[in-house]
Amino acid sequence: MKKLLLTAVSATALLTAGGAIAAGDRTQNQSDTPTVTTEDVKKGWEDTKDAVSNAASETKETVSEAAKDATNATKEAYSDLKDALSKEQKQAASNVGTTNIQIQKESLASNMIGQTVMNTANERIGQVNDIILDKDGDVELVIIGDGDYFGVGKEVAINYELVSKTDDKGVVAPLTEEAIERAVEFSYVASKDANVQVMPKDAISVNQALDGKIVDPQGKTLASIDDIIIENGDVEQFVIAYNETLGMGGQQAALSFDDVTPMHKNGKTLFSLNAEKSAMFRQFANTAKN
């Protein structure tokens, strides 16, 4: 998987803003019009390259300092199910064990969505409304809404590598309000409008995934998804809740994205464990419950 952690904008990335998804992955009616035109991005780069360079430097320093100063208060601990779903752990429920891992809150999708988006002139241009993944869990697009704080307004898609995270309060993108107004609008559903960019068929909306479930091959729910851990431009793990009663209580753990198969069914986004891992998960959940 690609490693694209909200890095500072580079000249190369700015000149390739046409679209992160390959043409072969587009839906039939999707416009080939770039989300943000090359002309817009070139102009934005010429006007703001010094600011972007400074932002890149400051971002690196900020991230470095944040890593040094991180405390347990900024992290969440989850039980990693990697061992629990391995063949070695299949022998006996009494031997099922997990290793606790700590995740920075900044890596949680729920923390990223809703963040304010600023440009390099320190002007607010919108907020992060969604994050779009490909079927392998690579982050491809960030959906930016140009409306007010209640989310009303136009939504546009920008390549993930064009977005620079400055701190836990917001992100920076090399855009202006005028560029967003000229950009094609993003849509989650098919459209015959040539000025609309439609989400590719196999892509995954993080918003929809947060409402999704972990299921077995028969579609029976094993766990609900509480959050998604995104690191270096990849979905690494899900934070899942299991042993719930009427959707409440229960326990939490971290489940690797590599252990599941994404699927869309009846308008919902589900993630399926194969038969063997489903059995192991049930064994683990029963042991944890007792």
C-alpha atoms as a PDB file:
ATOM      1  CA  MET A   1       0.000   0.000   0.000  1.00  0.00           C
ATOM      2  CA  LYS A   2       1.093   3.580  -0.619  1.00  0.00           C
ATOM      3  CA  LYS A   3       2.418   5.698   2.224  1.00  0.00           C
ATOM      4  CA  LEU A   4       0.999   9.215   1.857  1.00  0.00           C
ATOM      5  CA  LEU A   5       0.582  10.608   5.383  1.00  0.00           C
ATOM      6  CA  LEU A   6      -0.905  14.093   4.881  1.00  0.00           C
ATOM      7  CA  THR A   7       2.532  15.276   3.781  1.00  0.00           C
ATOM      8  CA  ALA A   8       3.432  18.856   2.877  1.00  0.00           C
ATOM      9  CA  VAL A   9       2.591  19.823  -0.700  1.00  0.00           C
ATOM     10  CA  SER A  10       5.315  19.324  -3.312  1.00  0.00           C
ATOM     11  CA  ALA A  11       5.625  20.896  -6.741  1.00  0.00           C
ATOM     12  CA  THR A  12       5.264  17.469  -8.359  1.00  0.00           C
ATOM     13  CA  ALA A  13       2.025  16.750  -6.521  1.00  0.00           C
ATOM     14  CA  LEU A  14       0.622  20.146  -7.383  1.00  0.00           C
ATOM     15  CA  LEU A  15       1.184  19.581 -11.074  1.00  0.00           C
ATOM     16  CA  THR A  16      -0.607  16.207 -10.985  1.00  0.00           C
ATOM     17  CA  ALA A  17      -3.866  17.228  -9.355  1.00  0.00           C
ATOM     18  CA  GLY A  18      -6.006  15.749 -12.124  1.00  0.00           C
ATOM     19  CA  GLY A  19      -7.371  12.840 -10.092  1.00  0.00           C
ATOM     20  CA  ALA A  20      -6.059  10.099  -7.843  1.00  0.00           C
ATOM     21  CA  ILE A  21      -8.190   7.250  -9.203  1.00  0.00           C
ATOM     22  CA  ALA A  22      -7.061   5.672 -12.461  1.00  0.00           C
ATOM     23  CA  ALA A  23      -9.311   6.193 -15.471  1.00  0.00           C
ATOM     24  CA  GLY A  24     -10.044   2.483 -15.648  1.00  0.00           C
ATOM     25  CA  ASP A  25     -11.634   2.653 -12.198  1.00  0.00           C
ATOM     26  CA  ARG A  26     -14.107   5.395 -13.113  1.00  0.00           C
ATOM     27  CA  THR A  27     -17.811   4.812 -13.324  1.00  0.00           C
ATOM     28  CA  GLN A  28     -19.447   4.961 -16.725  1.00  0.00           C
ATOM     29  CA  ASN A  29     -20.861   8.440 -16.312  1.00  0.00           C
ATOM     30  CA  GLN A  30     -18.025   9.979 -14.357  1.00  0.00           C
ATOM     31  CA  SER A  31     -16.565  13.155 -15.787  1.00  0.00           C
ATOM     32  CA  ASP A  32     -12.918  13.137 -16.829  1.00  0.00           C
ATOM     33  CA  THR A  33     -12.720  16.806 -15.905  1.00  0.00           C
ATOM     34  CA  PRO A  34      -9.995  17.199 -13.256  1.00  0.00           C
ATOM     35  CA  THR A  35     -11.252  17.848  -9.760  1.00  0.00           C
ATOM     36  CA  VAL A  36      -8.992  20.903  -9.590  1.00  0.00           C
ATOM     37  CA  THR A  37      -7.628  21.978 -12.968  1.00  0.00           C
ATOM     38  CA  THR A  38      -3.904  21.961 -13.676  1.00  0.00           C
ATOM     39  CA  GLU A  39      -4.164  25.648 -14.493  1.00  0.00           C
ATOM     40  CA  ASP A  40      -5.683  26.381 -11.099  1.00  0.00           C
ATOM     41  CA  VAL A  41      -3.035  24.410  -9.281  1.00  0.00           C
ATOM     42  CA  LYS A  42      -0.141  25.900 -11.260  1.00  0.00           C
ATOM     43  CA  LYS A  43      -1.401  29.381 -10.477  1.00  0.00           C
ATOM     44  CA  GLY A  44      -1.889  28.444  -6.843  1.00  0.00           C
ATOM     45  CA  TRP A  45       1.651  27.107  -6.726  1.00  0.00           C
ATOM     46  CA  GLU A  46       3.191  30.217  -8.271  1.00  0.00           C
ATOM     47  CA  ASP A  47       1.249  32.450  -5.906  1.00  0.00           C
ATOM     48  CA  THR A  48       1.945  30.458  -2.757  1.00  0.00           C
ATOM     49  CA  LYS A  49       5.078  28.367  -3.244  1.00  0.00           C
ATOM     50  CA  ASP A  50       7.027  30.257  -0.588  1.00  0.00           C
ATOM     51  CA  ALA A  51       4.188  29.868   1.898  1.00  0.00           C
ATOM     52  CA  VAL A  52       3.866  26.177   1.043  1.00  0.00           C
ATOM     53  CA  SER A  53       7.587  25.675   1.512  1.00  0.00           C
ATOM     54  CA  ASN A  54       7.419  27.355   4.897  1.00  0.00           C
ATOM     55  CA  ALA A  55       4.325  25.329   5.791  1.00  0.00           C
ATOM     56  CA  ALA A  56       6.170  22.141   4.860  1.00  0.00           C
ATOM     57  CA  SER A  57       9.054  23.024   7.142  1.00  0.00           C
ATOM     58  CA  GLU A  58       6.757  24.032   9.965  1.00  0.00           C
ATOM     59  CA  THR A  59       4.684  20.876   9.477  1.00  0.00           C
ATOM     60  CA  LYS A  60       7.752  18.655   9.792  1.00  0.00           C
ATOM     61  CA  GLU A  61       8.844  20.466  12.944  1.00  0.00           C
ATOM     62  CA  THR A  62       5.324  20.354  14.389  1.00  0.00           C
ATOM     63  CA  VAL A  63       4.969  16.631  13.746  1.00  0.00           C
ATOM     64  CA  SER A  64       8.430  15.981  15.189  1.00  0.00           C
ATOM     65  CA  GLU A  65       7.706  17.962  18.337  1.00  0.00           C
ATOM     66  CA  ALA A  66       4.287  16.364  18.682  1.00  0.00           C
ATOM     67  CA  ALA A  67       5.893  12.925  18.519  1.00  0.00           C
ATOM     68  CA  LYS A  68       8.395  13.872  21.216  1.00  0.00           C
ATOM     69  CA  ASP A  69       5.800  15.427  23.494  1.00  0.00           C
ATOM     70  CA  ALA A  70       3.126  12.744  23.060  1.00  0.00           C
ATOM     71  CA  THR A  71       1.798  11.394  26.334  1.00  0.00           C
ATOM     72  CA  ASN A  72      -0.548   8.596  27.262  1.00  0.00           C
ATOM     73  CA  ALA A  73      -3.302  11.198  27.497  1.00  0.00           C
ATOM     74  CA  THR A  74      -3.147  11.684  23.708  1.00  0.00           C
ATOM     75  CA  LYS A  75      -3.398   7.979  22.960  1.00  0.00           C
ATOM     76  CA  GLU A  76      -6.003   5.253  23.052  1.00  0.00           C
ATOM     77  CA  ALA A  77      -5.142   1.642  23.920  1.00  0.00           C
ATOM     78  CA  TYR A  78      -6.775  -1.255  22.103  1.00  0.00           C
ATOM     79  CA  SER A  79      -6.271  -4.999  22.092  1.00  0.00           C
ATOM     80  CA  ASP A  80      -4.732  -6.058  18.788  1.00  0.00           C
ATOM     81  CA  LEU A  81      -6.599  -9.094  17.398  1.00  0.00           C
ATOM     82  CA  LYS A  82      -3.708 -10.182  15.190  1.00  0.00           C
ATOM     83  CA  ASP A  83      -2.736 -13.061  17.480  1.00  0.00           C
ATOM     84  CA  ALA A  84      -6.324 -13.954  18.287  1.00  0.00           C
ATOM     85  CA  LEU A  85      -7.048 -14.548  14.590  1.00  0.00           C
ATOM     86  CA  SER A  86      -3.894 -16.516  13.876  1.00  0.00           C
ATOM     87  CA  LYS A  87      -3.813 -20.287  13.360  1.00  0.00           C
ATOM     88  CA  GLU A  88      -1.700 -20.736  16.482  1.00  0.00           C
ATOM     89  CA  GLN A  89      -4.516 -19.328  18.588  1.00  0.00           C
ATOM     90  CA  LYS A  90      -7.078 -21.717  17.140  1.00  0.00           C
ATOM     91  CA  GLN A  91      -6.051 -24.572  19.436  1.00  0.00           C
ATOM     92  CA  ALA A  92      -7.896 -23.607  22.599  1.00  0.00           C
ATOM     93  CA  ALA A  93      -9.982 -20.666  23.726  1.00  0.00           C
ATOM     94  CA  SER A  94      -8.078 -20.536  26.991  1.00  0.00           C
ATOM     95  CA  ASN A  95      -4.919 -19.688  25.069  1.00  0.00           C
ATOM     96  CA  VAL A  96      -6.378 -16.753  23.160  1.00  0.00           C
ATOM     97  CA  GLY A  97      -4.408 -13.643  24.021  1.00  0.00           C
ATOM     98  CA  THR A  98      -3.931 -10.157  22.639  1.00  0.00           C
ATOM     99  CA  THR A  99      -1.290  -7.477  22.796  1.00  0.00           C
ATOM    100  CA  ASN A 100      -2.303  -3.958  23.766  1.00  0.00           C
ATOM    101  CA  ILE A 101      -1.376  -1.282  21.248  1.00  0.00           C
ATOM    102  CA  GLN A 102      -1.568   2.479  21.624  1.00  0.00           C
ATOM    103  CA  ILE A 103      -2.848   4.696  18.833  1.00  0.00           C
ATOM    104  CA  GLN A 104      -2.441   8.460  18.549  1.00  0.00           C
ATOM    105  CA  LYS A 105      -5.854  10.120  18.491  1.00  0.00           C
ATOM    106  CA  GLU A 106      -4.735  12.130  15.450  1.00  0.00           C
ATOM    107  CA  SER A 107      -4.708   8.844  13.489  1.00  0.00           C
ATOM    108  CA  LEU A 108      -8.398   8.197  14.093  1.00  0.00           C
ATOM    109  CA  ALA A 109     -10.709   8.948  11.170  1.00  0.00           C
ATOM    110  CA  SER A 110     -13.299  10.432  13.507  1.00  0.00           C
ATOM    111  CA  ASN A 111     -10.723  13.049  14.467  1.00  0.00           C
ATOM    112  CA  MET A 112      -9.897  13.937  10.847  1.00  0.00           C
ATOM    113  CA  ILE A 113     -13.448  14.348   9.545  1.00  0.00           C
ATOM    114  CA  GLY A 114     -14.866  17.726  10.417  1.00  0.00           C
ATOM    115  CA  GLN A 115     -11.520  19.480  10.623  1.00  0.00           C
ATOM    116  CA  THR A 116     -11.290  22.991   9.217  1.00  0.00           C
ATOM    117  CA  VAL A 117      -9.425  23.338   5.914  1.00  0.00           C
ATOM    118  CA  MET A 118      -7.281  26.465   5.482  1.00  0.00           C
ATOM    119  CA  ASN A 119      -5.262  27.613   2.491  1.00  0.00           C
ATOM    120  CA  THR A 120      -1.695  28.888   2.591  1.00  0.00           C
ATOM    121  CA  ALA A 121      -2.973  32.444   2.974  1.00  0.00           C
ATOM    122  CA  ASN A 122      -4.553  31.332   6.266  1.00  0.00           C
ATOM    123  CA  GLU A 123      -8.061  31.651   4.831  1.00  0.00           C
ATOM    124  CA  ARG A 124     -10.783  29.154   5.717  1.00  0.00           C
ATOM    125  CA  ILE A 125     -11.972  27.384   2.562  1.00  0.00           C
ATOM    126  CA  GLY A 126     -14.120  24.643   4.045  1.00  0.00           C
ATOM    127  CA  GLN A 127     -13.968  21.504   6.135  1.00  0.00           C
ATOM    128  CA  VAL A 128     -13.170  17.813   5.679  1.00  0.00           C
ATOM    129  CA  ASN A 129     -16.506  16.102   5.051  1.00  0.00           C
ATOM    130  CA  ASP A 130     -15.223  12.643   4.120  1.00  0.00           C
ATOM    131  CA  ILE A 131     -12.204  10.570   3.133  1.00  0.00           C
ATOM    132  CA  ILE A 132     -12.323   8.187   0.166  1.00  0.00           C
ATOM    133  CA  LEU A 133     -10.379   4.917   0.129  1.00  0.00           C
ATOM    134  CA  ASP A 134      -9.686   2.451  -2.637  1.00  0.00           C
ATOM    135  CA  LYS A 135     -10.560  -1.221  -2.129  1.00  0.00           C
ATOM    136  CA  ASP A 136      -7.066  -1.918  -0.740  1.00  0.00           C
ATOM    137  CA  GLY A 137      -7.395   0.656   2.017  1.00  0.00           C
ATOM    138  CA  ASP A 138      -5.221   3.353   0.430  1.00  0.00           C
ATOM    139  CA  VAL A 139      -6.475   6.881   1.044  1.00  0.00           C
ATOM    140  CA  GLU A 140      -7.126   8.499  -2.340  1.00  0.00           C
ATOM    141  CA  LEU A 141      -9.303  11.568  -1.940  1.00  0.00           C
ATOM    142  CA  VAL A 142     -10.322  14.092   0.676  1.00  0.00           C
ATOM    143  CA  ILE A 143     -13.842  15.476   0.268  1.00  0.00           C
ATOM    144  CA  ILE A 144     -13.971  19.153   1.154  1.00  0.00           C
ATOM    145  CA  GLY A 145     -17.227  21.003   1.747  1.00  0.00           C
ATOM    146  CA  ASP A 146     -17.147  24.728   1.084  1.00  0.00           C
ATOM    147  CA  GLY A 147     -20.260  25.446   3.128  1.00  0.00           C
ATOM    148  CA  ASP A 148     -20.589  26.872   6.601  1.00  0.00           C
ATOM    149  CA  TYR A 149     -20.032  24.969   9.806  1.00  0.00           C
ATOM    150  CA  PHE A 150     -23.359  23.158   9.357  1.00  0.00           C
ATOM    151  CA  GLY A 151     -22.040  21.439   6.224  1.00  0.00           C
ATOM    152  CA  VAL A 152     -24.317  23.137   3.660  1.00  0.00           C
ATOM    153  CA  GLY A 153     -22.694  23.847   0.305  1.00  0.00           C
ATOM    154  CA  LYS A 154     -20.716  22.311  -2.536  1.00  0.00           C
ATOM    155  CA  GLU A 155     -18.440  19.300  -2.077  1.00  0.00           C
ATOM    156  CA  VAL A 156     -15.272  18.792  -4.127  1.00  0.00           C
ATOM    157  CA  ALA A 157     -12.625  16.050  -4.131  1.00  0.00           C
ATOM    158  CA  ILE A 158      -8.925  16.803  -3.834  1.00  0.00           C
ATOM    159  CA  ASN A 159      -6.027  14.360  -4.058  1.00  0.00           C
ATOM    160  CA  TYR A 160      -4.941  13.230  -0.619  1.00  0.00           C
ATOM    161  CA  GLU A 161      -1.299  14.105  -1.233  1.00  0.00           C
ATOM    162  CA  LEU A 162      -2.246  17.747  -1.816  1.00  0.00           C
ATOM    163  CA  VAL A 163      -3.399  18.126   1.774  1.00  0.00           C
ATOM    164  CA  SER A 164      -0.984  19.098   4.524  1.00  0.00           C
ATOM    165  CA  LYS A 165      -1.825  18.451   8.168  1.00  0.00           C
ATOM    166  CA  THR A 166      -0.528  21.234  10.410  1.00  0.00           C
ATOM    167  CA  ASP A 167      -1.823  20.176  13.817  1.00  0.00           C
ATOM    168  CA  ASP A 168      -4.816  18.488  15.394  1.00  0.00           C
ATOM    169  CA  LYS A 169      -7.030  21.493  14.678  1.00  0.00           C
ATOM    170  CA  GLY A 170      -6.995  21.704  10.904  1.00  0.00           C
ATOM    171  CA  VAL A 171      -5.422  20.969   7.548  1.00  0.00           C
ATOM    172  CA  VAL A 172      -3.953  23.094   4.760  1.00  0.00           C
ATOM    173  CA  ALA A 173      -4.735  22.757   1.045  1.00  0.00           C
ATOM    174  CA  PRO A 174      -3.395  24.914  -1.843  1.00  0.00           C
ATOM    175  CA  LEU A 175      -6.861  26.143  -2.876  1.00  0.00           C
ATOM    176  CA  THR A 176      -8.891  29.300  -2.980  1.00  0.00           C
ATOM    177  CA  GLU A 177     -12.634  29.748  -2.754  1.00  0.00           C
ATOM    178  CA  GLU A 178     -12.609  30.657  -6.466  1.00  0.00           C
ATOM    179  CA  ALA A 179     -10.823  27.390  -7.364  1.00  0.00           C
ATOM    180  CA  ILE A 180     -13.431  25.397  -5.460  1.00  0.00           C
ATOM    181  CA  GLU A 181     -16.218  27.267  -7.216  1.00  0.00           C
ATOM    182  CA  ARG A 182     -14.731  26.325 -10.614  1.00  0.00           C
ATOM    183  CA  ALA A 183     -14.014  22.696  -9.678  1.00  0.00           C
ATOM    184  CA  VAL A 184     -16.464  19.949 -10.610  1.00  0.00           C
ATOM    185  CA  GLU A 185     -18.779  18.841  -7.826  1.00  0.00           C
ATOM    186  CA  PHE A 186     -18.296  15.480  -6.125  1.00  0.00           C
ATOM    187  CA  SER A 187     -21.169  12.994  -5.981  1.00  0.00           C
ATOM    188  CA  TYR A 188     -21.614   9.645  -4.243  1.00  0.00           C
ATOM    189  CA  VAL A 189     -24.228   8.507  -6.794  1.00  0.00           C
ATOM    190  CA  ALA A 190     -24.157   8.083 -10.555  1.00  0.00           C
ATOM    191  CA  SER A 191     -24.833  11.197 -12.607  1.00  0.00           C
ATOM    192  CA  LYS A 192     -25.067  12.031 -16.315  1.00  0.00           C
ATOM    193  CA  ASP A 193     -23.868  15.555 -15.610  1.00  0.00           C
ATOM    194  CA  ALA A 194     -20.437  16.032 -17.204  1.00  0.00           C
ATOM    195  CA  ASN A 195     -19.585  18.551 -14.491  1.00  0.00           C
ATOM    196  CA  VAL A 196     -19.922  16.019 -11.694  1.00  0.00           C
ATOM    197  CA  GLN A 197     -17.185  13.681 -10.447  1.00  0.00           C
ATOM    198  CA  VAL A 198     -18.740  10.406  -9.298  1.00  0.00           C
ATOM    199  CA  MET A 199     -17.144   8.207  -6.666  1.00  0.00           C
ATOM    200  CA  PRO A 200     -15.616   5.103  -8.327  1.00  0.00           C
ATOM    201  CA  LYS A 201     -17.566   1.877  -7.992  1.00  0.00           C
ATOM    202  CA  ASP A 202     -15.170   0.032  -5.654  1.00  0.00           C
ATOM    203  CA  ALA A 203     -14.183   3.049  -3.564  1.00  0.00           C
ATOM    204  CA  ILE A 204     -15.022   3.240   0.130  1.00  0.00           C
ATOM    205  CA  SER A 205     -16.404   6.258   1.975  1.00  0.00           C
ATOM    206  CA  VAL A 206     -14.929   6.515   5.464  1.00  0.00           C
ATOM    207  CA  ASN A 207     -18.192   8.068   6.666  1.00  0.00           C
ATOM    208  CA  GLN A 208     -20.107   5.036   5.430  1.00  0.00           C
ATOM    209  CA  ALA A 209     -17.479   2.648   6.803  1.00  0.00           C
ATOM    210  CA  LEU A 210     -17.858   4.198  10.258  1.00  0.00           C
ATOM    211  CA  ASP A 211     -21.488   3.077  10.123  1.00  0.00           C
ATOM    212  CA  GLY A 212     -20.485  -0.349   8.838  1.00  0.00           C
ATOM    213  CA  LYS A 213     -20.179  -3.795  10.367  1.00  0.00           C
ATOM    214  CA  ILE A 214     -17.717  -6.670  10.535  1.00  0.00           C
ATOM    215  CA  VAL A 215     -19.586  -9.740   9.267  1.00  0.00           C
ATOM    216  CA  ASP A 216     -19.054 -13.444   8.605  1.00  0.00           C
ATOM    217  CA  PRO A 217     -19.397 -15.017   5.120  1.00  0.00           C
ATOM    218  CA  GLN A 218     -23.154 -15.404   5.688  1.00  0.00           C
ATOM    219  CA  GLY A 219     -23.511 -11.707   6.453  1.00  0.00           C
ATOM    220  CA  LYS A 220     -24.114 -12.153  10.190  1.00  0.00           C
ATOM    221  CA  THR A 221     -22.762  -9.298  12.295  1.00  0.00           C
ATOM    222  CA  LEU A 222     -19.684 -10.073  14.373  1.00  0.00           C
ATOM    223  CA  ALA A 223     -18.844  -6.535  15.494  1.00  0.00           C
ATOM    224  CA  SER A 224     -19.588  -2.891  14.781  1.00  0.00           C
ATOM    225  CA  ILE A 225     -17.010  -0.344  13.632  1.00  0.00           C
ATOM    226  CA  ASP A 226     -16.311   2.414  16.150  1.00  0.00           C
ATOM    227  CA  ASP A 227     -13.424   4.088  14.355  1.00  0.00           C
ATOM    228  CA  ILE A 228     -10.772   3.686  11.671  1.00  0.00           C
ATOM    229  CA  ILE A 229      -7.031   4.028  12.230  1.00  0.00           C
ATOM    230  CA  ILE A 230      -5.292   5.780   9.322  1.00  0.00           C
ATOM    231  CA  GLU A 231      -1.510   5.946   9.292  1.00  0.00           C
ATOM    232  CA  ASN A 232       0.800   7.015   6.457  1.00  0.00           C
ATOM    233  CA  GLY A 233      -2.081   7.209   4.001  1.00  0.00           C
ATOM    234  CA  ASP A 234      -3.305   3.670   4.680  1.00  0.00           C
ATOM    235  CA  VAL A 235      -6.140   2.237   6.706  1.00  0.00           C
ATOM    236  CA  GLU A 236      -4.202   0.074   9.140  1.00  0.00           C
ATOM    237  CA  GLN A 237      -6.900  -1.124  11.526  1.00  0.00           C
ATOM    238  CA  PHE A 238     -10.510  -0.814  12.574  1.00  0.00           C
ATOM    239  CA  VAL A 239     -11.500  -0.064  16.137  1.00  0.00           C
ATOM    240  CA  ILE A 240     -14.356  -2.514  16.610  1.00  0.00           C
ATOM    241  CA  ALA A 241     -16.918  -3.089  19.354  1.00  0.00           C
ATOM    242  CA  TYR A 242     -18.117  -6.625  20.140  1.00  0.00           C
ATOM    243  CA  ASN A 243     -20.169  -8.399  22.806  1.00  0.00           C
ATOM    244  CA  GLU A 244     -22.561  -5.451  22.747  1.00  0.00           C
ATOM    245  CA  THR A 245     -26.131  -5.557  24.023  1.00  0.00           C
ATOM    246  CA  LEU A 246     -28.572  -3.613  21.835  1.00  0.00           C
ATOM    247  CA  GLY A 247     -25.643  -1.672  20.427  1.00  0.00           C
ATOM    248  CA  MET A 248     -24.363  -0.632  23.850  1.00  0.00           C
ATOM    249  CA  GLY A 249     -21.597  -1.689  26.205  1.00  0.00           C
ATOM    250  CA  GLY A 250     -19.318  -4.455  25.030  1.00  0.00           C
ATOM    251  CA  GLN A 251     -15.577  -4.380  24.475  1.00  0.00           C
ATOM    252  CA  GLN A 252     -13.215  -2.785  21.967  1.00  0.00           C
ATOM    253  CA  ALA A 253     -10.310  -4.141  19.971  1.00  0.00           C
ATOM    254  CA  ALA A 254      -8.217  -3.331  16.893  1.00  0.00           C
ATOM    255  CA  LEU A 255      -8.772  -5.461  13.783  1.00  0.00           C
ATOM    256  CA  SER A 256      -6.385  -5.289  10.820  1.00  0.00           C
ATOM    257  CA  PHE A 257      -7.809  -4.075   7.489  1.00  0.00           C
ATOM    258  CA  ASP A 258      -5.840  -6.884   5.831  1.00  0.00           C
ATOM    259  CA  ASP A 259      -8.035  -9.451   7.618  1.00  0.00           C
ATOM    260  CA  VAL A 260     -11.273  -8.318   5.963  1.00  0.00           C
ATOM    261  CA  THR A 261     -12.811  -8.039   2.505  1.00  0.00           C
ATOM    262  CA  PRO A 262     -14.768  -4.821   1.787  1.00  0.00           C
ATOM    263  CA  MET A 263     -18.198  -5.218   0.230  1.00  0.00           C
ATOM    264  CA  HIS A 264     -21.221  -3.057  -0.561  1.00  0.00           C
ATOM    265  CA  LYS A 265     -24.657  -4.515   0.110  1.00  0.00           C
ATOM    266  CA  ASN A 266     -28.050  -2.797   0.076  1.00  0.00           C
ATOM    267  CA  GLY A 267     -26.449   0.610   0.281  1.00  0.00           C
ATOM    268  CA  LYS A 268     -24.300  -0.365   3.254  1.00  0.00           C
ATOM    269  CA  THR A 269     -20.549  -0.863   3.554  1.00  0.00           C
ATOM    270  CA  LEU A 270     -19.590  -4.159   5.196  1.00  0.00           C
ATOM    271  CA  PHE A 271     -16.278  -5.855   5.897  1.00  0.00           C
ATOM    272  CA  SER A 272     -16.245  -9.653   5.824  1.00  0.00           C
ATOM    273  CA  LEU A 273     -14.000 -12.061   7.703  1.00  0.00           C
ATOM    274  CA  ASN A 274     -13.525 -15.433   6.016  1.00  0.00           C
ATOM    275  CA  ALA A 275     -14.997 -18.566   7.615  1.00  0.00           C
ATOM    276  CA  GLU A 276     -11.839 -19.511   9.492  1.00  0.00           C
ATOM    277  CA  LYS A 277     -11.223 -16.073  10.944  1.00  0.00           C
ATOM    278  CA  SER A 278     -14.922 -15.665  11.763  1.00  0.00           C
ATOM    279  CA  ALA A 279     -14.738 -18.847  13.858  1.00  0.00           C
ATOM    280  CA  MET A 280     -11.593 -17.609  15.564  1.00  0.00           C
ATOM    281  CA  PHE A 281     -13.182 -14.258  16.273  1.00  0.00           C
ATOM    282  CA  ARG A 282     -16.243 -15.868  17.846  1.00  0.00           C
ATOM    283  CA  GLN A 283     -13.930 -17.975  19.981  1.00  0.00           C
ATOM    284  CA  PHE A 284     -12.024 -14.884  21.046  1.00  0.00           C
ATOM    285  CA  ALA A 285     -15.207 -12.919  21.775  1.00  0.00           C
ATOM    286  CA  ASN A 286     -16.639 -15.733  23.905  1.00  0.00           C
ATOM    287  CA  THR A 287     -13.397 -15.999  25.862  1.00  0.00           C
ATOM    288  CA  ALA A 288     -13.255 -12.246  26.401  1.00  0.00           C
ATOM    289  CA  LYS A 289     -16.866 -12.216  27.525  1.00  0.00           C
ATOM    290  CA  ASN A 290     -16.222 -14.859  30.127  1.00  0.00           C
END
